[in-house]
């Protein structure tokens, strides 16, 4: 395991700042997703192999990180256009997660064919 940091670079000011430091596995991969309308991004720390994955949301405006409690999270597959719903995979299940209420709803595999699944709230 390697400790790591997440950094934010402001293109206007040239300022670089660390916004999260952690002592678990540091991924050099991409973030799981982002929502331009909410100005948030999502990332997972931990390992699906060891079963210790945690999903986090970082708010650019509030400069805060919060954990989103979803057991056995492995992927964020899609985000609705308003940023209010995430399509996530937990093990072999697909679920829609409401960012505002924290509610999870199972989504049948036959219904998962694209981003339109997430526009059910509109």
Protein backbone atom coordinates (compact mmCIF):
# COMPACT_ATOMS: atom_id res chain seq x y z
CA UNK A 1 0.00 0.00 0.00
CA UNK A 2 1.11 3.52 -0.76
CA UNK A 3 -0.09 6.67 1.02
CA UNK A 4 -1.36 9.39 -1.25
CA UNK A 5 -2.93 12.79 -1.67
CA UNK A 6 -5.58 14.39 -3.82
CA UNK A 7 -4.63 17.85 -5.04
CA UNK A 8 -6.56 20.76 -6.46
CA UNK A 9 -4.89 23.12 -8.93
CA UNK A 10 -6.51 26.52 -9.54
CA UNK A 11 -5.79 27.56 -13.13
CA UNK A 12 -6.63 31.21 -12.40
CA UNK A 13 -4.23 31.67 -9.50
CA UNK A 14 -1.73 28.87 -10.10
CA UNK A 15 -2.27 27.70 -6.52
CA UNK A 16 -1.97 23.99 -5.80
CA UNK A 17 -3.54 22.64 -2.65
CA UNK A 18 -3.94 19.20 -1.07
CA UNK A 19 -7.61 18.54 -0.24
CA UNK A 20 -7.34 14.95 0.99
CA UNK A 21 -4.58 12.77 2.38
CA UNK A 22 -4.99 9.10 3.13
CA UNK A 23 -2.87 6.17 4.23
CA UNK A 24 -4.57 3.47 2.18
CA UNK A 25 -4.09 2.56 -1.46
CA UNK A 26 -3.64 5.64 -3.64
CA UNK A 27 -5.19 5.20 -7.07
CA UNK A 28 -3.63 6.93 -10.03
CA UNK A 29 -6.68 6.10 -12.11
CA UNK A 30 -9.54 8.35 -13.03
CA UNK A 31 -12.24 9.57 -10.68
CA UNK A 32 -15.44 7.53 -10.72
CA UNK A 33 -17.52 10.43 -12.00
CA UNK A 34 -18.30 14.11 -11.80
CA UNK A 35 -21.34 16.32 -11.87
CA UNK A 36 -20.83 19.70 -13.55
CA UNK A 37 -24.25 20.94 -12.37
CA UNK A 38 -23.47 20.21 -8.70
CA UNK A 39 -19.72 20.81 -9.04
CA UNK A 40 -18.92 17.54 -7.30
CA UNK A 41 -16.75 14.56 -8.11
CA UNK A 42 -16.84 10.99 -6.88
CA UNK A 43 -13.99 8.65 -6.03
CA UNK A 44 -13.54 5.26 -4.39
CA UNK A 45 -10.83 4.39 -1.90
CA UNK A 46 -9.98 0.87 -0.84
CA UNK A 47 -9.94 -2.46 -2.63
CA UNK A 48 -12.82 -4.57 -3.90
CA UNK A 49 -10.55 -7.59 -3.42
CA UNK A 50 -10.26 -6.90 0.31
CA UNK A 51 -13.87 -5.69 0.58
CA UNK A 52 -12.99 -2.33 2.12
CA UNK A 53 -14.10 0.09 -0.61
CA UNK A 54 -15.63 3.44 0.34
CA UNK A 55 -17.31 5.95 -1.99
CA UNK A 56 -16.66 9.66 -1.43
CA UNK A 57 -18.05 12.89 -2.86
CA UNK A 58 -15.89 16.01 -3.08
CA UNK A 59 -17.65 19.38 -3.41
CA UNK A 60 -15.64 22.03 -5.23
CA UNK A 61 -17.79 24.86 -3.84
CA UNK A 62 -17.71 23.75 -0.18
CA UNK A 63 -14.20 22.25 -0.47
CA UNK A 64 -15.45 19.28 1.56
CA UNK A 65 -15.27 15.51 1.27
CA UNK A 66 -18.08 13.31 2.56
CA UNK A 67 -18.43 9.55 2.58
CA UNK A 68 -21.44 8.07 0.80
CA UNK A 69 -22.37 4.92 2.70
CA UNK A 70 -23.08 2.20 0.16
CA UNK A 71 -22.03 -1.31 1.18
CA UNK A 72 -19.87 -3.31 -1.25
CA UNK A 73 -19.57 -0.44 -3.77
CA UNK A 74 -17.42 -1.30 -6.78
CA UNK A 75 -18.27 1.28 -9.47
CA UNK A 76 -20.13 4.48 -10.23
CA UNK A 77 -21.42 3.72 -13.71
CA UNK A 78 -23.36 6.88 -14.51
CA UNK A 79 -24.68 10.16 -13.10
CA UNK A 80 -27.99 11.84 -13.98
CA UNK A 81 -27.89 15.17 -15.80
CA UNK A 82 -28.94 17.06 -12.65
CA UNK A 83 -26.37 15.15 -10.56
CA UNK A 84 -29.04 13.92 -8.15
CA UNK A 85 -28.83 10.21 -8.95
CA UNK A 86 -25.89 7.85 -9.32
CA UNK A 87 -26.06 4.46 -11.00
CA UNK A 88 -23.75 2.25 -8.94
CA UNK A 89 -22.70 -1.37 -8.95
CA UNK A 90 -22.55 -3.22 -5.65
CA UNK A 91 -21.27 -6.72 -6.27
CA UNK A 92 -23.57 -8.15 -8.94
CA UNK A 93 -26.38 -5.63 -8.32
CA UNK A 94 -27.10 -2.34 -10.06
CA UNK A 95 -28.64 0.34 -7.86
CA UNK A 96 -29.82 3.93 -8.24
CA UNK A 97 -28.59 6.11 -5.36
CA UNK A 98 -30.35 9.40 -4.57
CA UNK A 99 -27.59 11.83 -3.54
CA UNK A 100 -30.00 14.10 -1.63
CA UNK A 101 -31.91 11.50 0.40
CA UNK A 102 -29.42 8.62 0.56
CA UNK A 103 -32.01 6.16 -0.73
CA UNK A 104 -30.98 3.14 -2.80
CA UNK A 105 -33.26 1.41 -5.30
CA UNK A 106 -32.39 -1.77 -7.16
CA UNK A 107 -32.29 -1.42 -10.95
CA UNK A 108 -32.90 -4.55 -13.01
CA UNK A 109 -30.10 -5.52 -15.38
CA UNK A 110 -32.42 -5.42 -18.40
CA UNK A 111 -33.12 -1.74 -17.64
CA UNK A 112 -29.44 -0.77 -17.59
CA UNK A 113 -28.67 0.22 -21.16
CA UNK A 114 -27.51 3.82 -20.85
CA UNK A 115 -27.78 7.14 -19.07
CA UNK A 116 -31.54 7.34 -19.67
CA UNK A 117 -32.01 5.06 -16.64
CA UNK A 118 -31.05 7.97 -14.44
CA UNK A 119 -33.57 10.41 -15.88
CA UNK A 120 -36.50 8.71 -14.16
CA UNK A 121 -36.76 11.59 -11.64
CA UNK A 122 -37.32 14.21 -14.37
